Amino acid sequence: EESHKRKAAAAKDFAAALAFHLTGGDFVKPVIDLEKTYGIVFD
């Protein structure tokens, strides 16, 4: 469980760092809940 939590935290940190990089260094916080899972619909 602890290992899973560490991996989840690391993944979250990585996503945040990637967002920071991809937005030109200005951190933009997601407004959707990244803890949830989503269904994707493509028309």
PDB file of all heavy atoms in Angstrom:
ATOM      1  N   GLU A   1       0.824  -1.208   0.000  1.00  0.00           N
ATOM      2  CA  GLU A   1       0.000   0.000   0.000  1.00  0.00           C
ATOM      3  C   GLU A   1       0.855   1.253   0.000  1.00  0.00           C
ATOM      4  O   GLU A   1       0.576   2.222  -0.711  1.00  0.00           O
ATOM      5  CB  GLU A   1      -0.940  -0.011   1.211  1.00  0.00           C
ATOM      6  CG  GLU A   1      -2.080  -1.010   1.082  1.00  0.00           C
ATOM      7  CD  GLU A   1      -2.943  -1.044   2.331  1.00  0.00           C
ATOM      8  OE1 GLU A   1      -2.543  -0.429   3.345  1.00  0.00           O
ATOM      9  OE2 GLU A   1      -4.009  -1.697   2.295  1.00  0.00           O
ATOM     10  N   GLU A   2       1.918   1.235   0.826  1.00  0.00           N
ATOM     11  CA  GLU A   2       2.813   2.388   0.883  1.00  0.00           C
ATOM     12  C   GLU A   2       3.521   2.590  -0.449  1.00  0.00           C
ATOM     13  O   GLU A   2       3.701   3.718  -0.916  1.00  0.00           O
ATOM     14  CB  GLU A   2       3.843   2.194   1.998  1.00  0.00           C
ATOM     15  CG  GLU A   2       3.245   2.315   3.397  1.00  0.00           C
ATOM     16  CD  GLU A   2       4.257   2.006   4.487  1.00  0.00           C
ATOM     17  OE1 GLU A   2       5.431   1.750   4.131  1.00  0.00           O
ATOM     18  OE2 GLU A   2       3.873   2.022   5.665  1.00  0.00           O
ATOM     19  N   SER A   3       3.927   1.480  -1.065  1.00  0.00           N
ATOM     20  CA  SER A   3       4.587   1.557  -2.369  1.00  0.00           C
ATOM     21  C   SER A   3       3.645   2.151  -3.416  1.00  0.00           C
ATOM     22  O   SER A   3       4.039   2.986  -4.235  1.00  0.00           O
ATOM     23  CB  SER A   3       5.048   0.166  -2.808  1.00  0.00           C
ATOM     24  OG  SER A   3       5.585   0.207  -4.109  1.00  0.00           O
ATOM     25  N   HIS A   4       2.375   1.707  -3.353  1.00  0.00           N
ATOM     26  CA  HIS A   4       1.376   2.220  -4.297  1.00  0.00           C
ATOM     27  C   HIS A   4       1.165   3.716  -4.103  1.00  0.00           C
ATOM     28  O   HIS A   4       1.077   4.480  -5.079  1.00  0.00           O
ATOM     29  CB  HIS A   4       0.059   1.471  -4.095  1.00  0.00           C
ATOM     30  CG  HIS A   4      -1.051   1.965  -4.974  1.00  0.00           C
ATOM     31  ND1 HIS A   4      -1.097   1.711  -6.327  1.00  0.00           N
ATOM     32  CD2 HIS A   4      -2.137   2.725  -4.688  1.00  0.00           C
ATOM     33  CE1 HIS A   4      -2.171   2.277  -6.849  1.00  0.00           C
ATOM     34  NE2 HIS A   4      -2.824   2.901  -5.874  1.00  0.00           N
ATOM     35  N   LYS A   5       1.112   4.145  -2.840  1.00  0.00           N
ATOM     36  CA  LYS A   5       0.927   5.572  -2.547  1.00  0.00           C
ATOM     37  C   LYS A   5       2.110   6.394  -3.037  1.00  0.00           C
ATOM     38  O   LYS A   5       1.941   7.494  -3.573  1.00  0.00           O
ATOM     39  CB  LYS A   5       0.735   5.771  -1.045  1.00  0.00           C
ATOM     40  CG  LYS A   5      -0.624   5.299  -0.530  1.00  0.00           C
ATOM     41  CD  LYS A   5      -0.730   5.498   0.972  1.00  0.00           C
ATOM     42  CE  LYS A   5      -2.089   5.007   1.489  1.00  0.00           C
ATOM     43  NZ  LYS A   5      -2.181   5.145   2.961  1.00  0.00           N
ATOM     44  N   ARG A   6       3.322   5.855  -2.849  1.00  0.00           N
ATOM     45  CA  ARG A   6       4.518   6.570  -3.321  1.00  0.00           C
ATOM     46  C   ARG A   6       4.511   6.712  -4.834  1.00  0.00           C
ATOM     47  O   ARG A   6       4.850   7.763  -5.385  1.00  0.00           O
ATOM     48  CB  ARG A   6       5.781   5.841  -2.859  1.00  0.00           C
ATOM     49  CG  ARG A   6       6.119   6.027  -1.382  1.00  0.00           C
ATOM     50  CD  ARG A   6       7.558   5.638  -1.104  1.00  0.00           C
ATOM     51  NE  ARG A   6       7.829   4.244  -1.420  1.00  0.00           N
ATOM     52  CZ  ARG A   6       7.675   3.239  -0.558  1.00  0.00           C
ATOM     53  NH1 ARG A   6       7.257   3.492   0.673  1.00  0.00           N
ATOM     54  NH2 ARG A   6       7.939   2.005  -0.922  1.00  0.00           N
ATOM     55  N   LYS A   7       4.123   5.629  -5.525  1.00  0.00           N
ATOM     56  CA  LYS A   7       4.078   5.667  -6.986  1.00  0.00           C
ATOM     57  C   LYS A   7       3.025   6.658  -7.472  1.00  0.00           C
ATOM     58  O   LYS A   7       3.240   7.393  -8.433  1.00  0.00           O
ATOM     59  CB  LYS A   7       3.772   4.270  -7.544  1.00  0.00           C
ATOM     60  CG  LYS A   7       4.940   3.296  -7.405  1.00  0.00           C
ATOM     61  CD  LYS A   7       4.566   1.924  -7.951  1.00  0.00           C
ATOM     62  CE  LYS A   7       5.736   0.952  -7.822  1.00  0.00           C
ATOM     63  NZ  LYS A   7       5.377  -0.412  -8.301  1.00  0.00           N
ATOM     64  N   ALA A   8       1.860   6.672  -6.780  1.00  0.00           N
ATOM     65  CA  ALA A   8       0.796   7.602  -7.160  1.00  0.00           C
ATOM     66  C   ALA A   8       1.241   9.036  -6.950  1.00  0.00           C
ATOM     67  O   ALA A   8       0.985   9.913  -7.785  1.00  0.00           O
ATOM     68  CB  ALA A   8      -0.460   7.305  -6.345  1.00  0.00           C
ATOM     69  N   ALA A   9       1.926   9.288  -5.828  1.00  0.00           N
ATOM     70  CA  ALA A   9       2.421  10.644  -5.547  1.00  0.00           C
ATOM     71  C   ALA A   9       3.472  11.056  -6.564  1.00  0.00           C
ATOM     72  O   ALA A   9       3.490  12.197  -7.030  1.00  0.00           O
ATOM     73  CB  ALA A   9       2.996  10.702  -4.134  1.00  0.00           C
ATOM     74  N   ALA A  10       4.342  10.101  -6.925  1.00  0.00           N
ATOM     75  CA  ALA A  10       5.386  10.399  -7.916  1.00  0.00           C
ATOM     76  C   ALA A  10       4.769  10.714  -9.272  1.00  0.00           C
ATOM     77  O   ALA A  10       5.206  11.623  -9.974  1.00  0.00           O
ATOM     78  CB  ALA A  10       6.346   9.217  -8.036  1.00  0.00           C
ATOM     79  N   ALA A  11       3.720   9.947  -9.629  1.00  0.00           N
ATOM     80  CA  ALA A  11       3.036  10.191 -10.904  1.00  0.00           C
ATOM     81  C   ALA A  11       2.380  11.558 -10.912  1.00  0.00           C
ATOM     82  O   ALA A  11       2.408  12.277 -11.914  1.00  0.00           O
ATOM     83  CB  ALA A  11       1.991   9.101 -11.149  1.00  0.00           C
ATOM     84  N   LYS A  12       1.795  11.926  -9.772  1.00  0.00           N
ATOM     85  CA  LYS A  12       1.154  13.238  -9.664  1.00  0.00           C
ATOM     86  C   LYS A  12       2.176  14.355  -9.775  1.00  0.00           C
ATOM     87  O   LYS A  12       1.954  15.366 -10.458  1.00  0.00           O
ATOM     88  CB  LYS A  12       0.417  13.319  -8.321  1.00  0.00           C
ATOM     89  CG  LYS A  12      -0.531  14.499  -8.204  1.00  0.00           C
ATOM     90  CD  LYS A  12      -1.356  14.389  -6.934  1.00  0.00           C
ATOM     91  CE  LYS A  12      -2.331  15.544  -6.825  1.00  0.00           C
ATOM     92  NZ  LYS A  12      -3.149  15.448  -5.597  1.00  0.00           N
ATOM     93  N   ASP A  13       3.334  14.177  -9.117  1.00  0.00           N
ATOM     94  CA  ASP A  13       4.401  15.174  -9.190  1.00  0.00           C
ATOM     95  C   ASP A  13       4.929  15.304 -10.613  1.00  0.00           C
ATOM     96  O   ASP A  13       5.232  16.398 -11.087  1.00  0.00           O
ATOM     97  CB  ASP A  13       5.546  14.795  -8.243  1.00  0.00           C
ATOM     98  CG  ASP A  13       5.153  14.955  -6.780  1.00  0.00           C
ATOM     99  OD1 ASP A  13       4.151  15.631  -6.508  1.00  0.00           O
ATOM    100  OD2 ASP A  13       5.852  14.375  -5.919  1.00  0.00           O
ATOM    101  N   PHE A  14       5.054  14.143 -11.285  1.00  0.00           N
ATOM    102  CA  PHE A  14       5.542  14.157 -12.662  1.00  0.00           C
ATOM    103  C   PHE A  14       4.572  14.905 -13.570  1.00  0.00           C
ATOM    104  O   PHE A  14       4.981  15.709 -14.409  1.00  0.00           O
ATOM    105  CB  PHE A  14       5.717  12.726 -13.179  1.00  0.00           C
ATOM    106  CG  PHE A  14       6.109  12.653 -14.636  1.00  0.00           C
ATOM    107  CD1 PHE A  14       7.402  12.943 -15.039  1.00  0.00           C
ATOM    108  CD2 PHE A  14       5.169  12.321 -15.599  1.00  0.00           C
ATOM    109  CE1 PHE A  14       7.757  12.888 -16.380  1.00  0.00           C
ATOM    110  CE2 PHE A  14       5.508  12.266 -16.935  1.00  0.00           C
ATOM    111  CZ  PHE A  14       6.812  12.547 -17.328  1.00  0.00           C
ATOM    112  N   ALA A  15       3.262  14.645 -13.390  1.00  0.00           N
ATOM    113  CA  ALA A  15       2.252  15.333 -14.196  1.00  0.00           C
ATOM    114  C   ALA A  15       2.313  16.836 -13.959  1.00  0.00           C
ATOM    115  O   ALA A  15       2.197  17.632 -14.892  1.00  0.00           O
ATOM    116  CB  ALA A  15       0.854  14.796 -13.868  1.00  0.00           C
ATOM    117  N   ALA A  16       2.502  17.221 -12.703  1.00  0.00           N
ATOM    118  CA  ALA A  16       2.587  18.647 -12.381  1.00  0.00           C
ATOM    119  C   ALA A  16       3.822  19.279 -13.017  1.00  0.00           C
ATOM    120  O   ALA A  16       3.767  20.368 -13.571  1.00  0.00           O
ATOM    121  CB  ALA A  16       2.621  18.839 -10.868  1.00  0.00           C
ATOM    122  N   ALA A  17       4.952  18.559 -12.942  1.00  0.00           N
ATOM    123  CA  ALA A  17       6.188  19.071 -13.535  1.00  0.00           C
ATOM    124  C   ALA A  17       6.065  19.184 -15.046  1.00  0.00           C
ATOM    125  O   ALA A  17       6.537  20.139 -15.664  1.00  0.00           O
ATOM    126  CB  ALA A  17       7.357  18.155 -13.177  1.00  0.00           C
ATOM    127  N   LEU A  18       5.387  18.203 -15.640  1.00  0.00           N
ATOM    128  CA  LEU A  18       5.192  18.216 -17.087  1.00  0.00           C
ATOM    129  C   LEU A  18       4.298  19.379 -17.490  1.00  0.00           C
ATOM    130  O   LEU A  18       4.559  20.068 -18.477  1.00  0.00           O
ATOM    131  CB  LEU A  18       4.570  16.891 -17.539  1.00  0.00           C
ATOM    132  CG  LEU A  18       4.497  16.641 -19.047  1.00  0.00           C
ATOM    133  CD1 LEU A  18       5.883  16.683 -19.669  1.00  0.00           C
ATOM    134  CD2 LEU A  18       3.823  15.310 -19.322  1.00  0.00           C
ATOM    135  N   ALA A  19       3.249  19.608 -16.709  1.00  0.00           N
ATOM    136  CA  ALA A  19       2.365  20.748 -16.978  1.00  0.00           C
ATOM    137  C   ALA A  19       3.140  22.053 -16.887  1.00  0.00           C
ATOM    138  O   ALA A  19       2.970  22.959 -17.701  1.00  0.00           O
ATOM    139  CB  ALA A  19       1.199  20.756 -15.986  1.00  0.00           C
ATOM    140  N   PHE A  20       4.020  22.151 -15.903  1.00  0.00           N
ATOM    141  CA  PHE A  20       4.854  23.338 -15.732  1.00  0.00           C
ATOM    142  C   PHE A  20       5.722  23.565 -16.963  1.00  0.00           C
ATOM    143  O   PHE A  20       5.819  24.665 -17.498  1.00  0.00           O
ATOM    144  CB  PHE A  20       5.727  23.152 -14.492  1.00  0.00           C
ATOM    145  CG  PHE A  20       6.641  24.322 -14.208  1.00  0.00           C
ATOM    146  CD1 PHE A  20       6.171  25.412 -13.489  1.00  0.00           C
ATOM    147  CD2 PHE A  20       7.952  24.331 -14.646  1.00  0.00           C
ATOM    148  CE1 PHE A  20       7.001  26.490 -13.217  1.00  0.00           C
ATOM    149  CE2 PHE A  20       8.788  25.403 -14.380  1.00  0.00           C
ATOM    150  CZ  PHE A  20       8.307  26.476 -13.662  1.00  0.00           C
ATOM    151  N   HIS A  21       6.320  22.486 -17.447  1.00  0.00           N
ATOM    152  CA  HIS A  21       7.200  22.575 -18.619  1.00  0.00           C
ATOM    153  C   HIS A  21       6.416  22.931 -19.878  1.00  0.00           C
ATOM    154  O   HIS A  21       6.835  23.792 -20.656  1.00  0.00           O
ATOM    155  CB  HIS A  21       7.919  21.239 -18.816  1.00  0.00           C
ATOM    156  CG  HIS A  21       8.649  21.127 -20.114  1.00  0.00           C
ATOM    157  ND1 HIS A  21       9.804  21.827 -20.391  1.00  0.00           N
ATOM    158  CD2 HIS A  21       8.368  20.417 -21.238  1.00  0.00           C
ATOM    159  CE1 HIS A  21      10.219  21.544 -21.612  1.00  0.00           C
ATOM    160  NE2 HIS A  21       9.355  20.695 -22.149  1.00  0.00           N
ATOM    161  N   LEU A  22       5.275  22.285 -20.072  1.00  0.00           N
ATOM    162  CA  LEU A  22       4.520  22.447 -21.305  1.00  0.00           C
ATOM    163  C   LEU A  22       3.818  23.789 -21.410  1.00  0.00           C
ATOM    164  O   LEU A  22       3.402  24.198 -22.484  1.00  0.00           O
ATOM    165  CB  LEU A  22       3.493  21.319 -21.433  1.00  0.00           C
ATOM    166  CG  LEU A  22       4.097  19.934 -21.667  1.00  0.00           C
ATOM    167  CD1 LEU A  22       3.032  18.874 -21.485  1.00  0.00           C
ATOM    168  CD2 LEU A  22       4.719  19.825 -23.055  1.00  0.00           C
ATOM    169  N   THR A  23       3.650  24.464 -20.308  1.00  0.00           N
ATOM    170  CA  THR A  23       3.023  25.783 -20.350  1.00  0.00           C
ATOM    171  C   THR A  23       4.057  26.892 -20.297  1.00  0.00           C
ATOM    172  O   THR A  23       3.766  28.025 -19.941  1.00  0.00           O
ATOM    173  CB  THR A  23       2.032  25.943 -19.186  1.00  0.00           C
ATOM    174  OG1 THR A  23       2.707  25.678 -17.950  1.00  0.00           O
ATOM    175  CG2 THR A  23       0.861  25.000 -19.326  1.00  0.00           C
ATOM    176  N   GLY A  24       5.291  26.561 -20.640  1.00  0.00           N
ATOM    177  CA  GLY A  24       6.323  27.576 -20.744  1.00  0.00           C
ATOM    178  C   GLY A  24       6.902  27.980 -19.410  1.00  0.00           C
ATOM    179  O   GLY A  24       7.486  29.053 -19.274  1.00  0.00           O
ATOM    180  N   GLY A  25       6.754  27.124 -18.395  1.00  0.00           N
ATOM    181  CA  GLY A  25       7.338  27.420 -17.106  1.00  0.00           C
ATOM    182  C   GLY A  25       6.385  28.087 -16.144  1.00  0.00           C
ATOM    183  O   GLY A  25       6.688  28.242 -14.975  1.00  0.00           O
ATOM    184  N   ASP A  26       5.203  28.493 -16.600  1.00  0.00           N
ATOM    185  CA  ASP A  26       4.203  29.091 -15.719  1.00  0.00           C
ATOM    186  C   ASP A  26       3.225  28.002 -15.310  1.00  0.00           C
ATOM    187  O   ASP A  26       2.440  27.533 -16.120  1.00  0.00           O
ATOM    188  CB  ASP A  26       3.453  30.222 -16.434  1.00  0.00           C
ATOM    189  CG  ASP A  26       4.378  31.382 -16.749  1.00  0.00           C
ATOM    190  OD1 ASP A  26       5.164  31.747 -15.874  1.00  0.00           O
ATOM    191  OD2 ASP A  26       4.308  31.892 -17.880  1.00  0.00           O
ATOM    192  N   PHE A  27       3.278  27.614 -14.050  1.00  0.00           N
ATOM    193  CA  PHE A  27       2.453  26.500 -13.609  1.00  0.00           C
ATOM    194  C   PHE A  27       0.980  26.849 -13.692  1.00  0.00           C
ATOM    195  O   PHE A  27       0.539  27.885 -13.206  1.00  0.00           O
ATOM    196  CB  PHE A  27       2.806  26.110 -12.176  1.00  0.00           C
ATOM    197  CG  PHE A  27       1.984  24.965 -11.678  1.00  0.00           C
ATOM    198  CD1 PHE A  27       2.231  23.684 -12.130  1.00  0.00           C
ATOM    199  CD2 PHE A  27       0.943  25.175 -10.799  1.00  0.00           C
ATOM    200  CE1 PHE A  27       1.464  22.628 -11.690  1.00  0.00           C
ATOM    201  CE2 PHE A  27       0.165  24.121 -10.358  1.00  0.00           C
ATOM    202  CZ  PHE A  27       0.439  22.841 -10.798  1.00  0.00           C
ATOM    203  N   VAL A  28       0.223  25.985 -14.345  1.00  0.00           N
ATOM    204  CA  VAL A  28      -1.220  26.133 -14.438  1.00  0.00           C
ATOM    205  C   VAL A  28      -1.832  24.895 -13.790  1.00  0.00           C
ATOM    206  O   VAL A  28      -1.570  23.776 -14.211  1.00  0.00           O
ATOM    207  CB  VAL A  28      -1.691  26.249 -15.904  1.00  0.00           C
ATOM    208  CG1 VAL A  28      -3.189  26.495 -15.955  1.00  0.00           C
ATOM    209  CG2 VAL A  28      -0.944  27.360 -16.617  1.00  0.00           C
ATOM    210  N   LYS A  29      -2.647  25.112 -12.775  1.00  0.00           N
ATOM    211  CA  LYS A  29      -3.225  24.005 -12.032  1.00  0.00           C
ATOM    212  C   LYS A  29      -4.462  23.474 -12.741  1.00  0.00           C
ATOM    213  O   LYS A  29      -5.339  24.255 -13.126  1.00  0.00           O
ATOM    214  CB  LYS A  29      -3.593  24.462 -10.620  1.00  0.00           C
ATOM    215  CG  LYS A  29      -4.088  23.343  -9.721  1.00  0.00           C
ATOM    216  CD  LYS A  29      -4.395  23.879  -8.328  1.00  0.00           C
ATOM    217  CE  LYS A  29      -4.902  22.765  -7.422  1.00  0.00           C
ATOM    218  NZ  LYS A  29      -5.227  23.274  -6.064  1.00  0.00           N
ATOM    219  N   PRO A  30      -4.566  22.149 -12.922  1.00  0.00           N
ATOM    220  CA  PRO A  30      -5.776  21.596 -13.550  1.00  0.00           C
ATOM    221  C   PRO A  30      -7.021  21.912 -12.724  1.00  0.00           C
ATOM    222  O   PRO A  30      -6.972  21.952 -11.491  1.00  0.00           O
ATOM    223  CB  PRO A  30      -5.500  20.085 -13.564  1.00  0.00           C
ATOM    224  CG  PRO A  30      -4.014  19.958 -13.474  1.00  0.00           C
ATOM    225  CD  PRO A  30      -3.560  21.113 -12.631  1.00  0.00           C
ATOM    226  N   VAL A  31      -8.132  22.133 -13.411  1.00  0.00           N
ATOM    227  CA  VAL A  31      -9.387  22.389 -12.709  1.00  0.00           C
ATOM    228  C   VAL A  31     -10.253  21.135 -12.642  1.00  0.00           C
ATOM    229  O   VAL A  31     -11.233  21.098 -11.897  1.00  0.00           O
ATOM    230  CB  VAL A  31     -10.184  23.526 -13.385  1.00  0.00           C
ATOM    231  CG1 VAL A  31      -9.429  24.833 -13.298  1.00  0.00           C
ATOM    232  CG2 VAL A  31     -10.516  23.184 -14.838  1.00  0.00           C
ATOM    233  N   ILE A  32      -9.898  20.104 -13.403  1.00  0.00           N
ATOM    234  CA  ILE A  32     -10.625  18.847 -13.285  1.00  0.00           C
ATOM    235  C   ILE A  32      -9.901  17.969 -12.267  1.00  0.00           C
ATOM    236  O   ILE A  32      -8.699  18.126 -12.029  1.00  0.00           O
ATOM    237  CB  ILE A  32     -10.768  18.121 -14.635  1.00  0.00           C
ATOM    238  CG1 ILE A  32      -9.427  17.586 -15.130  1.00  0.00           C
ATOM    239  CG2 ILE A  32     -11.390  19.025 -15.688  1.00  0.00           C
ATOM    240  CD1 ILE A  32      -9.574  16.669 -16.327  1.00  0.00           C
ATOM    241  N   ASP A  33     -10.623  17.064 -11.673  1.00  0.00           N
ATOM    242  CA  ASP A  33     -10.092  16.216 -10.608  1.00  0.00           C
ATOM    243  C   ASP A  33      -9.256  15.091 -11.205  1.00  0.00           C
ATOM    244  O   ASP A  33      -9.800  14.155 -11.813  1.00  0.00           O
ATOM    245  CB  ASP A  33     -11.254  15.652  -9.786  1.00  0.00           C
ATOM    246  CG  ASP A  33     -10.784  14.915  -8.536  1.00  0.00           C
ATOM    247  OD1 ASP A  33      -9.563  14.698  -8.397  1.00  0.00           O
ATOM    248  OD2 ASP A  33     -11.640  14.558  -7.708  1.00  0.00           O
ATOM    249  N   LEU A  34      -7.954  15.151 -11.020  1.00  0.00           N
ATOM    250  CA  LEU A  34      -7.067  14.132 -11.581  1.00  0.00           C
ATOM    251  C   LEU A  34      -7.028  12.860 -10.745  1.00  0.00           C
ATOM    252  O   LEU A  34      -6.373  11.887 -11.124  1.00  0.00           O
ATOM    253  CB  LEU A  34      -5.650  14.695 -11.735  1.00  0.00           C
ATOM    254  CG  LEU A  34      -5.501  15.833 -12.748  1.00  0.00           C
ATOM    255  CD1 LEU A  34      -4.047  16.267 -12.858  1.00  0.00           C
ATOM    256  CD2 LEU A  34      -6.034  15.429 -14.118  1.00  0.00           C
ATOM    257  N   GLU A  35      -7.716  12.873  -9.605  1.00  0.00           N
ATOM    258  CA  GLU A  35      -7.820  11.652  -8.809  1.00  0.00           C
ATOM    259  C   GLU A  35      -8.912  10.732  -9.357  1.00  0.00           C
ATOM    260  O   GLU A  35      -8.912   9.531  -9.098  1.00  0.00           O
ATOM    261  CB  GLU A  35      -8.136  12.008  -7.349  1.00  0.00           C
ATOM    262  CG  GLU A  35      -7.066  12.823  -6.652  1.00  0.00           C
ATOM    263  CD  GLU A  35      -5.734  12.102  -6.579  1.00  0.00           C
ATOM    264  OE1 GLU A  35      -5.729  10.866  -6.408  1.00  0.00           O
ATOM    265  OE2 GLU A  35      -4.691  12.769  -6.721  1.00  0.00           O
ATOM    266  N   LYS A  36      -9.846  11.300 -10.116  1.00  0.00           N
ATOM    267  CA  LYS A  36     -10.945  10.515 -10.688  1.00  0.00           C
ATOM    268  C   LYS A  36     -10.498   9.803 -11.957  1.00  0.00           C
ATOM    269  O   LYS A  36      -9.489  10.152 -12.573  1.00  0.00           O
ATOM    270  CB  LYS A  36     -12.123  11.426 -11.030  1.00  0.00           C
ATOM    271  CG  LYS A  36     -12.926  11.914  -9.851  1.00  0.00           C
ATOM    272  CD  LYS A  36     -14.158  12.666 -10.365  1.00  0.00           C
ATOM    273  CE  LYS A  36     -15.077  13.057  -9.227  1.00  0.00           C
ATOM    274  NZ  LYS A  36     -16.303  13.735  -9.744  1.00  0.00           N
ATOM    275  N   THR A  37     -11.296   8.821 -12.364  1.00  0.00           N
ATOM    276  CA  THR A  37     -11.139   8.229 -13.691  1.00  0.00           C
ATOM    277  C   THR A  37     -12.323   8.682 -14.544  1.00  0.00           C
ATOM    278  O   THR A  37     -13.414   8.943 -14.024  1.00  0.00           O
ATOM    279  CB  THR A  37     -11.091   6.696 -13.645  1.00  0.00           C
ATOM    280  OG1 THR A  37     -12.286   6.210 -13.025  1.00  0.00           O
ATOM    281  CG2 THR A  37      -9.881   6.218 -12.859  1.00  0.00           C
ATOM    282  N   TYR A  38     -12.113   8.757 -15.850  1.00  0.00           N
ATOM    283  CA  TYR A  38     -13.117   9.337 -16.744  1.00  0.00           C
ATOM    284  C   TYR A  38     -13.444   8.395 -17.894  1.00  0.00           C
ATOM    285  O   TYR A  38     -12.616   7.579 -18.320  1.00  0.00           O
ATOM    286  CB  TYR A  38     -12.613  10.662 -17.310  1.00  0.00           C
ATOM    287  CG  TYR A  38     -12.458  11.730 -16.255  1.00  0.00           C
ATOM    288  CD1 TYR A  38     -11.278  11.854 -15.521  1.00  0.00           C
ATOM    289  CD2 TYR A  38     -13.501  12.607 -15.968  1.00  0.00           C
ATOM    290  CE1 TYR A  38     -11.139  12.818 -14.533  1.00  0.00           C
ATOM    291  CE2 TYR A  38     -13.373  13.580 -14.987  1.00  0.00           C
ATOM    292  CZ  TYR A  38     -12.193  13.677 -14.275  1.00  0.00           C
ATOM    293  OH  TYR A  38     -12.057  14.632 -13.291  1.00  0.00           O
ATOM    294  N   GLY A  39     -14.667   8.536 -18.377  1.00  0.00           N
ATOM    295  CA  GLY A  39     -15.064   7.908 -19.620  1.00  0.00           C
ATOM    296  C   GLY A  39     -14.901   8.924 -20.734  1.00  0.00           C
ATOM    297  O   GLY A  39     -15.320  10.076 -20.597  1.00  0.00           O
ATOM    298  N   ILE A  40     -14.265   8.528 -21.820  1.00  0.00           N
ATOM    299  CA  ILE A  40     -14.017   9.428 -22.948  1.00  0.00           C
ATOM    300  C   ILE A  40     -14.967   9.075 -24.084  1.00  0.00           C
ATOM    301  O   ILE A  40     -15.115   7.898 -24.435  1.00  0.00           O
ATOM    302  CB  ILE A  40     -12.559   9.321 -23.448  1.00  0.00           C
ATOM    303  CG1 ILE A  40     -11.580   9.515 -22.295  1.00  0.00           C
ATOM    304  CG2 ILE A  40     -12.301  10.325 -24.561  1.00  0.00           C
ATOM    305  CD1 ILE A  40     -11.661  10.843 -21.596  1.00  0.00           C
ATOM    306  N   VAL A  41     -15.597  10.092 -24.661  1.00  0.00           N
ATOM    307  CA  VAL A  41     -16.494   9.893 -25.800  1.00  0.00           C
ATOM    308  C   VAL A  41     -15.945  10.648 -26.999  1.00  0.00           C
ATOM    309  O   VAL A  41     -15.694  11.851 -26.925  1.00  0.00           O
ATOM    310  CB  VAL A  41     -17.923  10.375 -25.484  1.00  0.00           C
ATOM    311  CG1 VAL A  41     -18.797  10.314 -26.737  1.00  0.00           C
ATOM    312  CG2 VAL A  41     -18.545   9.527 -24.390  1.00  0.00           C
ATOM    313  N   PHE A  42     -15.749   9.932 -28.104  1.00  0.00           N
ATOM    314  CA  PHE A  42     -15.319  10.519 -29.371  1.00  0.00           C
ATOM    315  C   PHE A  42     -16.473  10.399 -30.362  1.00  0.00           C
ATOM    316  O   PHE A  42     -16.901   9.284 -30.679  1.00  0.00           O
ATOM    317  CB  PHE A  42     -14.110   9.774 -29.947  1.00  0.00           C
ATOM    318  CG  PHE A  42     -12.824   9.951 -29.183  1.00  0.00           C
ATOM    319  CD1 PHE A  42     -11.898   8.922 -29.135  1.00  0.00           C
ATOM    320  CD2 PHE A  42     -12.524  11.136 -28.547  1.00  0.00           C
ATOM    321  CE1 PHE A  42     -10.693   9.072 -28.457  1.00  0.00           C
ATOM    322  CE2 PHE A  42     -11.333  11.305 -27.861  1.00  0.00           C
ATOM    323  CZ  PHE A  42     -10.410  10.267 -27.812  1.00  0.00           C
ATOM    324  N   ASP A  43     -16.959  11.520 -30.876  1.00  0.00           N
ATOM    325  CA  ASP A  43     -18.004  11.438 -31.893  1.00  0.00           C
ATOM    326  C   ASP A  43     -17.384  11.261 -33.270  1.00  0.00           C
ATOM    327  O   ASP A  43     -16.163  11.225 -33.438  1.00  0.00           O
ATOM    328  CB  ASP A  43     -18.942  12.649 -31.835  1.00  0.00           C
ATOM    329  CG  ASP A  43     -18.259  13.960 -32.202  1.00  0.00           C
ATOM    330  OD1 ASP A  43     -17.021  13.995 -32.227  1.00  0.00           O
ATOM    331  OD2 ASP A  43     -18.956  14.962 -32.444  1.00  0.00           O
TER     332      ASP A  43
END
